[in-house]
Amino acid sequence: MLSSKSDLFLQPALIVSALVLGIGSLCLGQYPLALSDVFHQLIHFSHPEGMASQIVWSVRLPRVLIALLAGGALGLCGATLQGVFHNPLVDPHIIGVTSGSAFGGALAILLGLTPVMMMGSTFAFGLTALVLVYAIAALQGRENALILILSGIILSGFFAALVSLIQYQADTEETLPNIVFWLLGSFATANWHKVAMLAVPVTLATALLFQLRWRINLLSLNDKDARALGVRVVPLRRTVLVCCAILVAAQVAVSGSIAWVGLVIPHLARLLVGVDHRRLLPASFWLGGCFMIVVDDLARTLTQAEIPLGIITALLGAPLFTFLLIRSSRKARQ
């Protein structure tokens, strides 16, 4: 972990890193642009003309913004859930929202719905999954972290089976490839409408989580100790989980299911700022955004055909998480 003095400069450094990566990404692609051309287009945005302007403003800038918001949402959600559930192996998939959203999107593709209706279906089924998680917990007569995790696992398996059923029923010539590609995650269809669709819920949920981040420190304790400190555990946990559900559902609605980011990024953030959620949540957001921008750059430049994001995040996330586990084990033995 960095010293407290260094930590004062970490958040601005992460924001600057995201800005630098974003500008650099505008230069990359099948039609490369010089950095001077990118700056010229950004400065003279009121007079768009030519192919370079179309590439920067209509194709790459919306894509970079969606990558930043999606990665930030997943990193923030992962860090929050790991604290709330007292488990460093928890990621956004654990509450069932990802699988529910995936089912909503796959169903919309199968039915041939419009992009707007598809995003609405994805978002609606994601939030429905969270409601069902709480319904299962209510039937148990208890609402603690373990019950919510188990309920999320049940719903994840259920919706995953429904997604498989949709894939089985889909036309193998066109519909099935579209479903598979969407489920693996992509920013290929990024536009300003999708930027707005993602930015609004992510901004609102992120702002609320940032306001609650010192209380999330108390949720990291067991419920009994948190109540002894005056925390209303159940309402606070419900609020936090709703915010996380909104983040995940919005991300899946716009760019499909993307794994590993919500699991790995919080661990990297803890190496930098420690376990205090007042610093951990902002660091996770910006680290997640930076990571996703890099992943998207690789996806659209490594080969002529674009590689799905889920493949690259798994290829990068699995070795990185293995390294973090080995490092953590060695430190524990010292």
Protein backbone atom coordinates (compact mmCIF):
# COMPACT_ATOMS: atom_id res chain seq x y z
CA MET A 1 0.00 0.00 0.00
CA LEU A 2 1.22 3.51 -0.74
CA SER A 3 2.02 5.97 2.02
CA SER A 4 -0.64 8.45 3.06
CA LYS A 5 1.33 11.27 1.43
CA SER A 6 1.52 9.42 -1.87
CA ASP A 7 -2.15 8.54 -1.59
CA LEU A 8 -3.05 12.24 -1.83
CA PHE A 9 -1.80 12.21 -5.41
CA LEU A 10 -3.10 8.78 -6.39
CA GLN A 11 -6.68 9.71 -7.28
CA PRO A 12 -5.64 12.63 -9.53
CA ALA A 13 -2.98 10.39 -11.07
CA LEU A 14 -5.59 7.73 -11.89
CA ILE A 15 -7.89 10.34 -13.44
CA VAL A 16 -5.03 11.71 -15.54
CA SER A 17 -4.12 8.14 -16.56
CA ALA A 18 -7.68 7.54 -17.74
CA LEU A 19 -7.58 10.78 -19.72
CA VAL A 20 -4.23 9.92 -21.34
CA LEU A 21 -5.36 6.39 -22.20
CA GLY A 22 -8.61 7.72 -23.62
CA ILE A 23 -6.86 10.24 -25.89
CA GLY A 24 -4.36 7.59 -26.96
CA SER A 25 -7.23 5.24 -27.81
CA LEU A 26 -8.66 7.80 -30.20
CA CYS A 27 -5.52 7.35 -32.30
CA LEU A 28 -5.80 3.56 -32.52
CA GLY A 29 -7.82 1.44 -34.91
CA GLN A 30 -8.00 0.15 -38.46
CA TYR A 31 -7.71 3.78 -39.58
CA PRO A 32 -4.89 5.18 -37.38
CA LEU A 33 -4.82 8.87 -36.59
CA ALA A 34 -1.91 11.05 -35.52
CA LEU A 35 -2.11 12.59 -32.05
CA SER A 36 -2.10 16.06 -33.61
CA ASP A 37 -5.12 15.14 -35.75
CA VAL A 38 -6.99 13.89 -32.68
CA PHE A 39 -6.32 17.10 -30.75
CA HIS A 40 -7.36 19.15 -33.78
CA GLN A 41 -10.68 17.30 -33.99
CA LEU A 42 -11.31 17.61 -30.25
CA ILE A 43 -10.55 21.33 -30.24
CA HIS A 44 -12.58 22.12 -33.37
CA PHE A 45 -15.56 19.97 -32.46
CA SER A 46 -18.00 22.68 -33.53
CA HIS A 47 -16.90 22.36 -37.15
CA PRO A 48 -16.85 18.61 -37.89
CA GLU A 49 -15.72 17.73 -41.37
CA GLY A 50 -14.03 14.83 -43.14
CA MET A 51 -13.37 11.24 -42.26
CA ALA A 52 -11.14 12.02 -39.26
CA SER A 53 -13.95 13.96 -37.60
CA GLN A 54 -16.43 11.13 -38.14
CA ILE A 55 -13.99 8.58 -36.74
CA VAL A 56 -13.22 10.62 -33.61
CA TRP A 57 -16.69 11.94 -32.80
CA SER A 58 -19.02 9.24 -34.09
CA VAL A 59 -16.99 6.05 -33.59
CA ARG A 60 -14.09 6.20 -31.17
CA LEU A 61 -15.01 8.84 -28.58
CA PRO A 62 -18.36 7.21 -27.67
CA ARG A 63 -16.57 3.87 -27.50
CA VAL A 64 -13.86 5.20 -25.17
CA LEU A 65 -16.45 6.81 -22.89
CA ILE A 66 -18.50 3.60 -22.70
CA ALA A 67 -15.33 1.61 -21.93
CA LEU A 68 -14.44 4.04 -19.13
CA LEU A 69 -17.92 3.98 -17.62
CA ALA A 70 -18.38 0.21 -17.97
CA GLY A 71 -14.98 -0.63 -16.50
CA GLY A 72 -15.44 1.89 -13.72
CA ALA A 73 -18.89 0.53 -12.88
CA LEU A 74 -17.62 -3.06 -12.68
CA GLY A 75 -14.56 -2.12 -10.60
CA LEU A 76 -16.65 -0.03 -8.20
CA CYS A 77 -19.33 -2.71 -7.93
CA GLY A 78 -16.76 -5.45 -7.23
CA ALA A 79 -15.03 -3.44 -4.49
CA THR A 80 -18.37 -2.59 -2.87
CA LEU A 81 -19.71 -6.15 -2.90
CA GLN A 82 -16.47 -7.62 -1.56
CA GLY A 83 -16.74 -5.26 1.39
CA VAL A 84 -20.45 -5.79 1.99
CA PHE A 85 -20.18 -9.60 1.84
CA HIS A 86 -16.86 -9.76 3.73
CA ASN A 87 -15.41 -11.91 0.94
CA PRO A 88 -12.55 -10.98 -1.44
CA LEU A 89 -13.73 -13.60 -3.96
CA VAL A 90 -17.10 -11.95 -4.56
CA ASP A 91 -17.70 -10.20 -7.88
CA PRO A 92 -20.74 -8.55 -9.54
CA HIS A 93 -21.99 -11.93 -10.79
CA ILE A 94 -22.67 -13.10 -7.24
CA ILE A 95 -25.95 -11.19 -6.80
CA GLY A 96 -27.51 -12.72 -9.91
CA VAL A 97 -27.95 -9.43 -11.74
CA THR A 98 -25.44 -10.26 -14.48
CA SER A 99 -27.18 -13.53 -15.36
CA GLY A 100 -30.60 -11.87 -15.21
CA SER A 101 -29.45 -9.08 -17.51
CA ALA A 102 -27.83 -11.61 -19.86
CA PHE A 103 -31.15 -13.45 -20.09
CA GLY A 104 -33.00 -10.22 -20.84
CA GLY A 105 -30.61 -9.33 -23.63
CA ALA A 106 -30.54 -12.82 -25.14
CA LEU A 107 -34.36 -12.94 -25.08
CA ALA A 108 -34.54 -9.59 -26.85
CA ILE A 109 -32.16 -10.79 -29.57
CA LEU A 110 -34.18 -13.97 -30.01
CA LEU A 111 -37.40 -11.97 -30.38
CA GLY A 112 -35.79 -9.46 -32.75
CA LEU A 113 -36.51 -6.43 -30.57
CA THR A 114 -35.12 -2.99 -31.36
CA PRO A 115 -31.86 -1.88 -29.64
CA VAL A 116 -33.77 0.41 -27.26
CA MET A 117 -36.19 -2.35 -26.29
CA MET A 118 -33.26 -4.74 -25.92
CA MET A 119 -31.54 -2.41 -23.45
CA GLY A 120 -34.80 -2.00 -21.58
CA SER A 121 -35.28 -5.77 -21.39
CA THR A 122 -31.72 -6.27 -20.17
CA PHE A 123 -32.07 -3.63 -17.48
CA ALA A 124 -35.49 -4.87 -16.36
CA PHE A 125 -34.46 -8.51 -15.98
CA GLY A 126 -31.27 -7.48 -14.15
CA LEU A 127 -33.26 -5.62 -11.50
CA THR A 128 -35.83 -8.45 -11.44
CA ALA A 129 -33.02 -10.83 -10.49
CA LEU A 130 -32.17 -8.67 -7.47
CA VAL A 131 -35.83 -8.60 -6.43
CA LEU A 132 -35.92 -12.40 -6.65
CA VAL A 133 -32.74 -12.63 -4.56
CA TYR A 134 -34.49 -10.71 -1.80
CA ALA A 135 -37.64 -12.79 -2.26
CA ILE A 136 -35.67 -15.99 -1.68
CA ALA A 137 -34.00 -14.43 1.34
CA ALA A 138 -37.42 -13.42 2.69
CA LEU A 139 -38.67 -17.00 2.34
CA GLN A 140 -35.70 -18.05 4.45
CA GLY A 141 -36.83 -15.64 7.14
CA ARG A 142 -33.35 -14.10 7.31
CA GLU A 143 -31.44 -11.46 5.40
CA ASN A 144 -27.73 -11.72 6.11
CA ALA A 145 -24.72 -11.75 3.80
CA LEU A 146 -24.57 -15.55 3.51
CA ILE A 147 -28.26 -15.91 2.61
CA LEU A 148 -27.99 -13.19 -0.03
CA ILE A 149 -24.90 -14.83 -1.58
CA LEU A 150 -26.61 -18.23 -1.72
CA SER A 151 -29.74 -16.66 -3.19
CA GLY A 152 -27.62 -14.92 -5.82
CA ILE A 153 -25.92 -18.20 -6.73
CA ILE A 154 -29.32 -19.87 -7.12
CA LEU A 155 -30.61 -17.10 -9.40
CA SER A 156 -27.38 -17.02 -11.41
CA GLY A 157 -27.69 -20.73 -12.15
CA PHE A 158 -31.38 -20.39 -13.01
CA PHE A 159 -30.92 -17.51 -15.45
CA ALA A 160 -27.82 -19.13 -16.95
CA ALA A 161 -29.98 -22.17 -17.75
CA LEU A 162 -32.58 -19.91 -19.37
CA VAL A 163 -29.83 -18.30 -21.49
CA SER A 164 -28.71 -21.77 -22.60
CA LEU A 165 -32.31 -22.61 -23.47
CA ILE A 166 -32.56 -19.47 -25.62
CA GLN A 167 -29.32 -20.36 -27.38
CA TYR A 168 -30.66 -23.85 -28.04
CA GLN A 169 -33.84 -22.42 -29.57
CA ALA A 170 -32.10 -19.72 -31.62
CA ASP A 171 -31.54 -19.87 -35.36
CA THR A 172 -27.98 -21.13 -35.88
CA GLU A 173 -27.38 -19.06 -39.02
CA GLU A 174 -27.86 -15.56 -37.62
CA THR A 175 -29.52 -15.28 -34.21
CA LEU A 176 -27.26 -17.67 -32.29
CA PRO A 177 -23.99 -15.99 -33.40
CA ASN A 178 -25.46 -12.60 -32.43
CA ILE A 179 -26.38 -13.90 -28.96
CA VAL A 180 -22.99 -15.52 -28.40
CA PHE A 181 -21.06 -12.43 -29.53
CA TRP A 182 -23.19 -10.15 -27.35
CA LEU A 183 -22.80 -12.39 -24.30
CA LEU A 184 -19.00 -12.21 -24.66
CA GLY A 185 -19.11 -8.41 -24.47
CA SER A 186 -18.33 -5.75 -27.04
CA PHE A 187 -18.28 -1.98 -27.52
CA ALA A 188 -18.53 -2.31 -31.31
CA THR A 189 -22.01 -0.75 -31.44
CA ALA A 190 -21.10 2.23 -29.25
CA ASN A 191 -22.87 5.51 -30.02
CA TRP A 192 -23.87 8.66 -28.15
CA HIS A 193 -27.30 7.24 -27.32
CA LYS A 194 -25.68 4.31 -25.51
CA VAL A 195 -23.26 6.68 -23.77
CA ALA A 196 -26.24 8.54 -22.33
CA MET A 197 -28.02 5.27 -21.45
CA LEU A 198 -24.96 4.17 -19.47
CA ALA A 199 -23.83 7.52 -18.08
CA VAL A 200 -27.08 8.43 -16.31
CA PRO A 201 -27.49 5.31 -14.10
CA VAL A 202 -23.74 4.94 -13.54
CA THR A 203 -23.39 8.57 -12.46
CA LEU A 204 -26.33 8.39 -10.07
CA ALA A 205 -25.39 5.03 -8.52
CA THR A 206 -21.70 5.95 -8.29
CA ALA A 207 -22.46 9.27 -6.61
CA LEU A 208 -24.62 7.54 -4.00
CA LEU A 209 -22.01 4.84 -3.31
CA PHE A 210 -19.33 7.51 -2.92
CA GLN A 211 -21.56 9.27 -0.39
CA LEU A 212 -22.01 5.99 1.52
CA ARG A 213 -18.44 4.76 1.29
CA TRP A 214 -17.57 5.48 4.91
CA ARG A 215 -20.68 3.52 5.98
CA ILE A 216 -19.58 0.63 3.75
CA ASN A 217 -16.51 0.44 5.99
CA LEU A 218 -18.91 -0.40 8.82
CA LEU A 219 -20.77 -2.96 6.69
CA SER A 220 -17.42 -4.70 6.30
CA LEU A 221 -17.73 -5.61 9.98
CA ASN A 222 -20.12 -8.35 11.04
CA ASP A 223 -23.75 -7.31 11.43
CA LYS A 224 -23.68 -7.36 15.23
CA ASP A 225 -20.69 -5.00 15.48
CA ALA A 226 -22.14 -2.69 12.81
CA ARG A 227 -25.43 -2.41 14.71
CA ALA A 228 -23.51 -1.67 17.91
CA LEU A 229 -22.00 1.34 16.10
CA GLY A 230 -25.45 2.64 15.22
CA VAL A 231 -25.68 1.41 11.64
CA ARG A 232 -29.05 0.29 10.29
CA VAL A 233 -27.54 -2.71 8.54
CA VAL A 234 -30.46 -4.06 6.50
CA PRO A 235 -31.63 -0.76 4.90
CA LEU A 236 -28.03 0.27 4.19
CA ARG A 237 -27.17 -3.07 2.63
CA ARG A 238 -30.30 -2.98 0.49
CA THR A 239 -29.42 0.51 -0.75
CA VAL A 240 -25.87 -0.55 -1.60
CA LEU A 241 -27.04 -3.69 -3.41
CA VAL A 242 -29.61 -1.73 -5.44
CA CYS A 243 -26.85 0.67 -6.52
CA CYS A 244 -24.64 -2.27 -7.51
CA ALA A 245 -27.53 -3.86 -9.40
CA ILE A 246 -28.11 -0.63 -11.33
CA LEU A 247 -24.40 -0.43 -12.23
CA VAL A 248 -24.24 -4.02 -13.46
CA ALA A 249 -27.57 -3.95 -15.30
CA ALA A 250 -26.65 -0.71 -17.08
CA GLN A 251 -23.26 -2.11 -18.12
CA VAL A 252 -24.68 -5.39 -19.43
CA ALA A 253 -27.48 -3.56 -21.24
CA VAL A 254 -25.01 -1.46 -23.21
CA SER A 255 -22.05 -3.81 -23.77
CA GLY A 256 -22.96 -7.38 -22.84
CA SER A 257 -21.57 -9.54 -20.07
CA ILE A 258 -17.92 -8.85 -19.14
CA ALA A 259 -16.27 -11.06 -16.51
CA TRP A 260 -13.18 -10.77 -14.28
CA VAL A 261 -13.07 -6.96 -14.09
CA GLY A 262 -15.16 -6.75 -10.92
CA LEU A 263 -13.08 -9.48 -9.29
CA VAL A 264 -9.51 -8.42 -10.15
CA ILE A 265 -9.63 -4.61 -10.15
CA PRO A 266 -10.60 -4.24 -6.43
CA HIS A 267 -7.59 -6.38 -5.47
CA LEU A 268 -5.28 -4.14 -7.50
CA ALA A 269 -6.86 -1.07 -5.89
CA ARG A 270 -6.25 -2.49 -2.41
CA LEU A 271 -2.57 -2.84 -3.22
CA LEU A 272 -2.50 0.88 -3.91
CA VAL A 273 -4.78 2.39 -1.25
CA GLY A 274 -5.56 -0.34 1.29
CA VAL A 275 -8.95 -1.50 2.52
CA ASP A 276 -10.51 1.83 3.52
CA HIS A 277 -13.51 2.18 1.21
CA ARG A 278 -13.27 5.97 1.29
CA ARG A 279 -10.20 5.61 -0.93
CA LEU A 280 -10.82 2.13 -2.30
CA LEU A 281 -14.06 2.88 -4.17
CA PRO A 282 -12.77 5.85 -6.20
CA ALA A 283 -9.53 3.99 -6.93
CA SER A 284 -11.47 0.93 -8.11
CA PHE A 285 -13.64 3.05 -10.39
CA TRP A 286 -10.74 4.74 -12.15
CA LEU A 287 -8.60 1.61 -12.29
CA GLY A 288 -11.51 -0.30 -13.79
CA GLY A 289 -12.03 2.41 -16.38
CA CYS A 290 -8.33 2.44 -17.33
CA PHE A 291 -8.25 -1.36 -17.55
CA MET A 292 -11.31 -1.52 -19.78
CA ILE A 293 -9.97 1.14 -22.15
CA VAL A 294 -6.80 -0.92 -22.59
CA VAL A 295 -8.82 -4.12 -23.08
CA ASP A 296 -10.96 -2.46 -25.75
CA ASP A 297 -7.85 -1.17 -27.53
CA LEU A 298 -6.52 -4.73 -27.66
CA ALA A 299 -9.89 -6.05 -28.83
CA ARG A 300 -10.00 -3.81 -31.89
CA THR A 301 -6.30 -3.75 -32.85
CA LEU A 302 -4.87 -7.25 -32.27
CA THR A 303 -6.60 -8.77 -35.31
CA GLN A 304 -8.58 -7.61 -38.33
CA ALA A 305 -11.76 -9.05 -36.79
CA GLU A 306 -12.70 -7.63 -33.41
CA ILE A 307 -12.12 -9.92 -30.44
CA PRO A 308 -14.94 -10.11 -27.83
CA LEU A 309 -14.04 -8.31 -24.61
CA GLY A 310 -14.87 -11.27 -22.37
CA ILE A 311 -12.11 -13.33 -23.98
CA ILE A 312 -9.45 -10.69 -23.36
CA THR A 313 -10.57 -9.93 -19.79
CA ALA A 314 -10.37 -13.66 -19.00
CA LEU A 315 -6.95 -14.03 -20.62
CA LEU A 316 -5.63 -11.04 -18.67
CA GLY A 317 -7.66 -11.46 -15.49
CA ALA A 318 -6.95 -15.12 -14.74
CA PRO A 319 -3.10 -14.81 -14.70
CA LEU A 320 -3.31 -11.48 -12.88
CA PHE A 321 -5.59 -12.89 -10.20
CA THR A 322 -3.30 -15.92 -9.84
CA PHE A 323 -0.37 -13.57 -9.25
CA LEU A 324 -2.34 -11.64 -6.63
CA LEU A 325 -3.28 -14.87 -4.83
CA ILE A 326 0.32 -16.10 -4.77
CA ARG A 327 1.52 -12.71 -3.55
CA SER A 328 -1.13 -12.63 -0.82
CA SER A 329 -0.24 -16.18 0.33
CA ARG A 330 3.45 -15.35 0.54
CA LYS A 331 2.76 -12.21 2.57
CA ALA A 332 0.52 -14.21 4.95
CA ARG A 333 3.34 -16.71 5.60
CA GLN A 334 5.88 -14.00 6.39
